C-alpha atoms as a PDB file:
ATOM      1  CA  MET A   1     131.753 147.148 130.420  1.00  0.00           C
ATOM      2  CA  LYS A   2     131.240 146.138 126.725  1.00  0.00           C
ATOM      3  CA  ASN A   3     130.925 142.586 127.818  1.00  0.00           C
ATOM      4  CA  VAL A   4     128.236 143.410 130.360  1.00  0.00           C
ATOM      5  CA  VAL A   5     126.259 145.290 127.704  1.00  0.00           C
ATOM      6  CA  PHE A   6     126.723 142.464 125.218  1.00  0.00           C
ATOM      7  CA  LEU A   7     125.575 139.840 127.744  1.00  0.00           C
ATOM      8  CA  ALA A   8     122.399 141.956 128.564  1.00  0.00           C
ATOM      9  CA  PHE A   9     121.771 142.221 124.843  1.00  0.00           C
ATOM     10  CA  LEU A  10     121.991 138.378 124.456  1.00  0.00           C
ATOM     11  CA  LEU A  11     119.560 137.874 127.312  1.00  0.00           C
ATOM     12  CA  VAL A  12     117.045 140.224 125.818  1.00  0.00           C
ATOM     13  CA  CYS A  13     117.393 138.593 122.370  1.00  0.00           C
ATOM     14  CA  PHE A  14     117.364 135.023 123.333  1.00  0.00           C
ATOM     15  CA  LEU A  15     115.216 134.979 126.438  1.00  0.00           C
ATOM     16  CA  GLY A  16     112.774 137.576 125.293  1.00  0.00           C
ATOM     17  CA  GLY A  17     111.292 135.263 122.715  1.00  0.00           C
ATOM     18  CA  ALA A  18     109.538 137.936 120.653  1.00  0.00           C
ATOM     19  CA  GLN A  19     112.667 138.944 118.709  1.00  0.00           C
ATOM     20  CA  THR A  20     113.505 135.265 117.967  1.00  0.00           C
ATOM     21  CA  ALA A  21     109.970 134.842 116.685  1.00  0.00           C
ATOM     22  CA  SER A  22     110.145 137.843 114.418  1.00  0.00           C
ATOM     23  CA  ALA A  23     113.453 136.722 112.950  1.00  0.00           C
ATOM     24  CA  GLN A  24     111.862 133.330 112.357  1.00  0.00           C
ATOM     25  CA  ASP A  25     109.009 134.909 110.463  1.00  0.00           C
ATOM     26  CA  TRP A  26     111.322 136.892 108.137  1.00  0.00           C
ATOM     27  CA  ALA A  27     113.895 134.533 106.570  1.00  0.00           C
ATOM     28  CA  GLU A  28     115.911 137.266 104.919  1.00  0.00           C
ATOM     29  CA  LEU A  29     116.300 139.179 108.233  1.00  0.00           C
ATOM     30  CA  LYS A  30     117.335 136.004 110.017  1.00  0.00           C
ATOM     31  CA  ASP A  31     119.972 135.350 107.324  1.00  0.00           C
ATOM     32  CA  PHE A  32     121.243 138.934 107.712  1.00  0.00           C
ATOM     33  CA  HIS A  33     121.471 138.473 111.478  1.00  0.00           C
ATOM     34  CA  GLY A  34     123.628 135.395 110.984  1.00  0.00           C
ATOM     35  CA  VAL A  35     126.271 137.391 109.079  1.00  0.00           C
ATOM     36  CA  MET A  36     125.864 140.331 111.461  1.00  0.00           C
ATOM     37  CA  SER A  37     126.441 138.276 114.509  1.00  0.00           C
ATOM     38  CA  GLN A  38     129.494 136.517 113.037  1.00  0.00           C
ATOM     39  CA  THR A  39     131.202 139.767 112.061  1.00  0.00           C
ATOM     40  CA  PHE A  40     130.000 142.318 114.694  1.00  0.00           C
ATOM     41  CA  HIS A  41     130.934 140.404 117.892  1.00  0.00           C
ATOM     42  CA  PRO A  42     134.509 139.635 116.687  1.00  0.00           C
ATOM     43  CA  MET A  43     134.894 143.294 115.745  1.00  0.00           C
ATOM     44  CA  GLN A  44     133.907 144.289 119.297  1.00  0.00           C
ATOM     45  CA  GLU A  45     136.832 142.152 120.495  1.00  0.00           C
ATOM     46  CA  GLY A  46     139.223 143.836 117.991  1.00  0.00           C
ATOM     47  CA  ASP A  47     139.044 141.192 115.299  1.00  0.00           C
ATOM     48  CA  PHE A  48     138.239 142.913 111.974  1.00  0.00           C
ATOM     49  CA  LYS A  49     139.029 139.963 109.780  1.00  0.00           C
ATOM     50  CA  PRO A  50     135.487 138.510 109.658  1.00  0.00           C
ATOM     51  CA  ILE A  51     133.933 141.719 108.493  1.00  0.00           C
ATOM     52  CA  ARG A  52     136.746 142.459 106.022  1.00  0.00           C
ATOM     53  CA  GLU A  53     136.222 139.037 104.526  1.00  0.00           C
ATOM     54  CA  ARG A  54     132.433 139.026 104.544  1.00  0.00           C
ATOM     55  CA  SER A  55     131.452 142.689 103.813  1.00  0.00           C
ATOM     56  CA  GLY A  56     130.261 141.743 100.332  1.00  0.00           C
ATOM     57  CA  GLU A  57     128.108 139.043 101.792  1.00  0.00           C
ATOM     58  CA  MET A  58     126.786 141.475 104.398  1.00  0.00           C
ATOM     59  CA  ALA A  59     125.804 143.885 101.649  1.00  0.00           C
ATOM     60  CA  GLN A  60     124.062 141.118  99.741  1.00  0.00           C
ATOM     61  CA  LYS A  61     122.180 139.990 102.775  1.00  0.00           C
ATOM     62  CA  ALA A  62     121.086 143.577 103.568  1.00  0.00           C
ATOM     63  CA  LYS A  63     119.971 144.080  99.969  1.00  0.00           C
ATOM     64  CA  ALA A  64     118.022 140.704 100.185  1.00  0.00           C
ATOM     65  CA  VAL A  65     116.210 142.082 103.328  1.00  0.00           C
ATOM     66  CA  ALA A  66     115.294 145.266 101.394  1.00  0.00           C
ATOM     67  CA  LYS A  67     114.030 143.302  98.392  1.00  0.00           C
ATOM     68  CA  SER A  68     112.145 140.632 100.489  1.00  0.00           C
ATOM     69  CA  ALA A  69     108.491 140.443 101.131  1.00  0.00           C
ATOM     70  CA  ILE A  70     108.209 141.930 104.561  1.00  0.00           C
ATOM     71  CA  PRO A  71     105.803 139.879 106.666  1.00  0.00           C
ATOM     72  CA  GLU A  72     102.508 141.754 106.789  1.00  0.00           C
ATOM     73  CA  GLN A  73     102.537 142.007 110.566  1.00  0.00           C
ATOM     74  CA  TYR A  74     105.770 144.070 110.359  1.00  0.00           C
ATOM     75  CA  LYS A  75     105.098 146.182 107.280  1.00  0.00           C
ATOM     76  CA  ASN A  76     104.840 149.811 108.179  1.00  0.00           C
ATOM     77  CA  LYS A  77     106.596 153.097 107.302  1.00  0.00           C
ATOM     78  CA  GLU A  78     109.234 152.879 110.049  1.00  0.00           C
ATOM     79  CA  ILE A  79     110.282 149.357 109.140  1.00  0.00           C
ATOM     80  CA  LEU A  80     110.315 150.222 105.390  1.00  0.00           C
ATOM     81  CA  LEU A  81     112.591 153.136 106.023  1.00  0.00           C
ATOM     82  CA  ALA A  82     114.892 151.209 108.325  1.00  0.00           C
ATOM     83  CA  VAL A  83     115.112 148.353 105.691  1.00  0.00           C
ATOM     84  CA  LYS A  84     116.232 150.930 103.137  1.00  0.00           C
ATOM     85  CA  GLN A  85     118.834 152.245 105.564  1.00  0.00           C
ATOM     86  CA  LEU A  86     119.996 148.683 106.138  1.00  0.00           C
ATOM     87  CA  ALA A  87     120.642 148.136 102.394  1.00  0.00           C
ATOM     88  CA  LYS A  88     122.311 151.472 102.011  1.00  0.00           C
ATOM     89  CA  GLY A  89     124.533 150.930 105.096  1.00  0.00           C
ATOM     90  CA  GLY A  90     125.534 147.459 103.927  1.00  0.00           C
ATOM     91  CA  LYS A  91     126.496 148.823 100.571  1.00  0.00           C
ATOM     92  CA  SER A  92     128.507 151.652 102.139  1.00  0.00           C
ATOM     93  CA  LEU A  93     130.248 149.260 104.570  1.00  0.00           C
ATOM     94  CA  ASP A  94     131.343 147.042 101.696  1.00  0.00           C
ATOM     95  CA  LYS A  95     132.700 149.960  99.665  1.00  0.00           C
ATOM     96  CA  LEU A  96     134.620 151.208 102.773  1.00  0.00           C
ATOM     97  CA  VAL A  97     136.188 147.769 103.244  1.00  0.00           C
ATOM     98  CA  LYS A  98     137.063 147.408  99.600  1.00  0.00           C
ATOM     99  CA  LYS A  99     138.807 150.845  99.792  1.00  0.00           C
ATOM    100  CA  ASP A 100     140.842 149.422 102.775  1.00  0.00           C
ATOM    101  CA  GLY A 101     139.234 151.767 105.290  1.00  0.00           C
ATOM    102  CA  THR A 102     140.762 152.008 108.670  1.00  0.00           C
ATOM    103  CA  ASP A 103     139.627 149.687 111.467  1.00  0.00           C
ATOM    104  CA  GLU A 104     138.050 152.571 113.251  1.00  0.00           C
ATOM    105  CA  ALA A 105     136.001 153.645 110.179  1.00  0.00           C
ATOM    106  CA  VAL A 106     134.948 150.023 109.503  1.00  0.00           C
ATOM    107  CA  GLY A 107     133.941 149.581 113.094  1.00  0.00           C
ATOM    108  CA  GLN A 108     131.899 152.767 113.054  1.00  0.00           C
ATOM    109  CA  SER A 109     130.113 151.751 109.906  1.00  0.00           C
ATOM    110  CA  LEU A 110     129.482 148.236 111.130  1.00  0.00           C
ATOM    111  CA  THR A 111     128.201 149.562 114.464  1.00  0.00           C
ATOM    112  CA  ALA A 112     125.782 151.934 112.641  1.00  0.00           C
ATOM    113  CA  LEU A 113     124.549 148.969 110.504  1.00  0.00           C
ATOM    114  CA  HIS A 114     124.120 146.867 113.678  1.00  0.00           C
ATOM    115  CA  ASP A 115     122.032 149.742 115.208  1.00  0.00           C
ATOM    116  CA  VAL A 116     119.760 149.787 112.135  1.00  0.00           C
ATOM    117  CA  PHE A 117     119.292 146.031 112.435  1.00  0.00           C
ATOM    118  CA  HIS A 118     118.343 146.336 116.072  1.00  0.00           C
ATOM    119  CA  ARG A 119     116.024 149.247 115.273  1.00  0.00           C
ATOM    120  CA  ILE A 120     114.171 146.799 112.802  1.00  0.00           C
ATOM    121  CA  MET A 121     114.119 144.090 115.417  1.00  0.00           C
ATOM    122  CA  GLY A 122     112.735 146.494 118.048  1.00  0.00           C
ATOM    123  CA  LEU A 123     110.035 147.777 115.690  1.00  0.00           C
ATOM    124  CA  CYS A 124     109.025 144.075 114.997  1.00  0.00           C
ATOM    125  CA  ASN A 125     108.866 143.516 118.781  1.00  0.00           C
ATOM    126  CA  ASP A 126     106.890 146.666 119.352  1.00  0.00           C
ATOM    127  CA  HIS A 127     104.388 145.513 116.743  1.00  0.00           C
ATOM    128  CA  GLU A 128     104.012 142.064 118.358  1.00  0.00           C
ATOM    129  CA  ASP A 129     103.412 143.640 121.794  1.00  0.00           C
ATOM    130  CA  HIS A 130     100.365 145.614 120.538  1.00  0.00           C
END
């Protein structure tokens, strides 16, 4: 079932076009997405090594998104709030990994961070549709 959901997600992201365009317009978000995709998808398959090795990088990329100049077409209260949550979540995840948190706890934290990232992408998409 997880694979079906994941494949549906990929189709929306890559065939939808609008999300790809928004990531292209916002370099820091695109960079964050690179680390997220290289850590989240292995975690879904039970491989926690990538996120355990790259949690610090994930936190740095999330912080970079928060400090970046958000493209004007996406700058609104909802995105600003979500970007703050992304930075906070990245920092919390890195602390959890450094404290040798359980796979379950790390997975929950990474999943929550992934959800925030997709909220941002959805908000960018919503803005482009209007």
